[in-house]
Protein backbone atom coordinates (compact mmCIF):
# COMPACT_ATOMS: atom_id res chain seq x y z
CA UNK A 1 -22.97 50.65 -7.11
CA UNK A 2 -25.47 47.79 -6.89
CA UNK A 3 -25.11 47.23 -10.66
CA UNK A 4 -21.33 46.84 -10.25
CA UNK A 5 -21.69 44.62 -7.23
CA UNK A 6 -24.02 42.25 -9.02
CA UNK A 7 -21.58 41.33 -11.87
CA UNK A 8 -18.73 41.03 -9.38
CA UNK A 9 -20.82 38.76 -7.18
CA UNK A 10 -21.82 36.71 -10.21
CA UNK A 11 -18.16 36.44 -11.23
CA UNK A 12 -17.17 35.27 -7.72
CA UNK A 13 -19.92 32.65 -7.74
CA UNK A 14 -18.78 31.36 -11.16
CA UNK A 15 -15.16 31.14 -9.98
CA UNK A 16 -16.20 29.26 -6.84
CA UNK A 17 -18.32 26.83 -8.89
CA UNK A 18 -15.44 26.19 -11.29
CA UNK A 19 -13.08 25.65 -8.37
CA UNK A 20 -15.45 23.11 -6.78
CA UNK A 21 -15.94 21.33 -10.11
CA UNK A 22 -12.17 21.09 -10.60
CA UNK A 23 -11.71 19.75 -7.07
CA UNK A 24 -14.34 17.06 -7.67
CA UNK A 25 -12.73 16.12 -11.00
CA UNK A 26 -9.34 15.95 -9.27
CA UNK A 27 -10.82 13.77 -6.52
CA UNK A 28 -12.25 11.41 -9.14
CA UNK A 29 -8.87 11.20 -10.87
CA UNK A 30 -7.15 10.51 -7.54
CA UNK A 31 -9.81 7.95 -6.62
CA UNK A 32 -9.39 6.21 -9.99
CA UNK A 33 -5.62 6.05 -9.45
CA UNK A 34 -6.17 4.67 -5.95
CA UNK A 35 -9.05 2.28 -6.59
CA UNK A 36 -7.25 -0.60 -4.91
CA UNK A 37 -9.93 -3.13 -5.70
CA UNK A 38 -9.67 -2.40 -9.44
CA UNK A 39 -5.86 -2.27 -9.28
CA UNK A 40 -5.65 -5.61 -7.48
CA UNK A 41 -8.00 -7.15 -10.02
CA UNK A 42 -5.92 -5.73 -12.88
CA UNK A 43 -2.72 -6.98 -11.25
CA UNK A 44 -4.15 -10.49 -10.92
CA UNK A 45 -4.23 -10.69 -14.72
CA UNK A 46 -0.50 -9.89 -14.88
CA UNK A 47 0.71 -12.93 -12.93
CA UNK A 48 3.11 -15.05 -14.99
CA UNK A 49 4.66 -17.30 -12.33
CA UNK A 50 3.59 -20.93 -11.99
CA UNK A 51 4.62 -21.33 -8.37
CA UNK A 52 5.28 -18.62 -5.79
CA UNK A 53 3.84 -15.42 -4.38
CA UNK A 54 2.37 -12.32 -6.02
CA UNK A 55 0.39 -9.30 -4.92
CA UNK A 56 -0.06 -5.57 -4.74
CA UNK A 57 1.90 -3.21 -2.46
CA UNK A 58 -0.02 -0.16 -1.25
CA UNK A 59 0.53 2.80 1.06
CA UNK A 60 -2.28 3.68 3.45
CA UNK A 61 -2.13 7.19 4.90
CA UNK A 62 -4.17 10.07 6.23
CA UNK A 63 -6.80 10.26 8.94
CA UNK A 64 -8.58 6.91 8.91
CA UNK A 65 -10.61 7.48 12.07
CA UNK A 66 -14.22 6.37 11.70
CA UNK A 67 -16.35 9.39 10.90
CA UNK A 68 -19.77 10.33 9.63
CA UNK A 69 -18.24 13.21 7.69
CA UNK A 70 -17.18 12.93 4.06
CA UNK A 71 -13.97 14.84 4.78
CA UNK A 72 -11.78 11.84 5.63
CA UNK A 73 -8.23 12.07 4.30
CA UNK A 74 -7.75 8.29 4.49
CA UNK A 75 -6.38 6.81 1.28
CA UNK A 76 -4.63 3.69 0.03
CA UNK A 77 -2.70 3.84 -3.24
CA UNK A 78 -0.31 1.48 -5.01
CA UNK A 79 3.39 2.20 -4.51
CA UNK A 80 6.74 1.11 -5.87
CA UNK A 81 8.75 -0.62 -3.17
CA UNK A 82 11.41 -3.26 -2.81
CA UNK A 83 9.91 -6.54 -1.59
CA UNK A 84 12.16 -9.04 0.18
CA UNK A 85 11.38 -12.68 0.73
CA UNK A 86 13.10 -14.44 3.62
CA UNK A 87 12.84 -17.92 5.02
CA UNK A 88 10.09 -17.91 7.66
CA UNK A 89 11.08 -15.30 10.24
CA UNK A 90 9.76 -14.65 13.75
CA UNK A 91 10.17 -11.65 16.03
CA UNK A 92 13.03 -13.48 17.78
CA UNK A 93 14.93 -13.48 14.43
CA UNK A 94 15.09 -9.70 13.89
CA UNK A 95 17.31 -6.81 14.80
CA UNK A 96 14.69 -4.16 15.67
CA UNK A 97 14.94 -0.54 14.61
CA UNK A 98 15.33 1.58 17.73
CA UNK A 99 12.93 4.37 16.78
CA UNK A 100 9.92 2.46 15.43
CA UNK A 101 8.51 -0.91 16.56
CA UNK A 102 7.02 -1.46 13.07
CA UNK A 103 10.51 -1.59 11.54
CA UNK A 104 13.46 -3.94 11.72
CA UNK A 105 17.03 -3.13 10.74
CA UNK A 106 17.59 -6.68 9.54
CA UNK A 107 16.52 -10.30 9.76
CA UNK A 108 18.84 -13.06 10.97
CA UNK A 109 17.21 -15.54 8.58
CA UNK A 110 18.18 -16.27 4.98
CA UNK A 111 17.21 -13.78 2.27
CA UNK A 112 15.68 -15.88 -0.50
CA UNK A 113 14.76 -13.29 -3.13
CA UNK A 114 14.34 -9.56 -3.75
CA UNK A 115 11.83 -8.14 -6.26
CA UNK A 116 10.50 -4.67 -7.03
CA UNK A 117 6.84 -3.67 -6.99
CA UNK A 118 6.06 -1.44 -9.98
CA UNK A 119 4.06 1.80 -10.09
CA UNK A 120 0.84 -0.24 -9.83
CA UNK A 121 2.23 -1.97 -6.73
CA UNK A 122 2.49 -5.29 -8.61
CA UNK A 123 5.13 -7.78 -7.57
CA UNK A 124 5.67 -11.49 -8.10
CA UNK A 125 8.34 -14.02 -7.17
CA UNK A 126 8.80 -17.55 -8.40
CA UNK A 127 9.43 -19.72 -5.32
CA UNK A 128 9.64 -23.42 -4.50
CA UNK A 129 7.31 -24.94 -1.91
CA UNK A 130 8.10 -23.66 1.57
CA UNK A 131 7.25 -21.20 4.32
CA UNK A 132 8.42 -17.62 3.88
CA UNK A 133 8.24 -14.11 5.32
CA UNK A 134 7.50 -11.41 2.73
CA UNK A 135 8.33 -7.84 3.77
CA UNK A 136 8.52 -4.38 2.27
CA UNK A 137 11.61 -2.19 2.49
CA UNK A 138 10.55 1.16 3.92
CA UNK A 139 13.08 3.93 4.54
CA UNK A 140 15.95 1.43 4.48
CA UNK A 141 14.34 -0.85 7.06
CA UNK A 142 12.07 -3.90 6.90
CA UNK A 143 8.41 -3.08 7.52
CA UNK A 144 6.70 -5.45 9.99
CA UNK A 145 2.97 -5.16 9.47
CA UNK A 146 1.51 -8.65 9.89
CA UNK A 147 2.22 -11.34 12.49
CA UNK A 148 0.82 -14.84 12.74
CA UNK A 149 -0.03 -16.45 16.09
CA UNK A 150 3.51 -17.88 16.33
CA UNK A 151 5.17 -14.46 15.97
CA UNK A 152 5.94 -15.08 12.30
CA UNK A 153 6.34 -11.92 10.22
CA UNK A 154 4.21 -11.53 7.07
CA UNK A 155 4.07 -15.29 6.61
CA UNK A 156 3.14 -17.11 3.42
CA UNK A 157 3.21 -20.83 2.75
CA UNK A 158 3.71 -22.01 -0.81
CA UNK A 159 2.58 -25.59 -1.42
CA UNK A 160 1.91 -25.75 -5.14
CA UNK A 161 0.74 -22.96 -7.38
CA UNK A 162 0.63 -19.23 -6.73
CA UNK A 163 -0.38 -17.45 -3.57
CA UNK A 164 -1.75 -13.89 -3.51
CA UNK A 165 -0.30 -11.76 -0.71
CA UNK A 166 -1.17 -8.06 -0.79
CA UNK A 167 1.15 -5.92 1.32
CA UNK A 168 0.26 -2.61 2.98
CA UNK A 169 2.59 0.05 4.38
CA UNK A 170 0.27 1.63 6.94
CA UNK A 171 1.11 5.22 7.90
CA UNK A 172 -2.53 6.11 8.65
CA UNK A 173 -3.80 7.66 11.87
CA UNK A 174 -6.57 5.75 13.66
């Protein structure tokens, strides 16, 4: 019986080792796909506008609580989303969504332009000089993730040239 147990035990150990190796390879592939620093650098080389705003849209999710463990599920990956550019908009200029304070049903200000972020999260919009609010459409609403000290939503000022504005949809737990 011990002779049969030994090959079975050896087989189980080999299967476990292969499983762990595959998990690590899968993690590396996922990490490569979600290496936001590398993606943002790559996207910076794709900018073709002379004047306006460009950036990378990403989705942050999982458990992002500080931990000493290596088992965090926190991740940020590029996503395809609709990006809307409005004239500068403050919290007083929105119709809030009733179920989530991070969302607005609509803005009362002028919609200037709509662009799509691609599968690498890259977006760009040619814009004249001015002050704008750049927001992501999330589940049919406008995602409000950044405010300036005047209550302005995701503000960007274009003077001359191109401005980098990376946008994050944050569904993480902290």
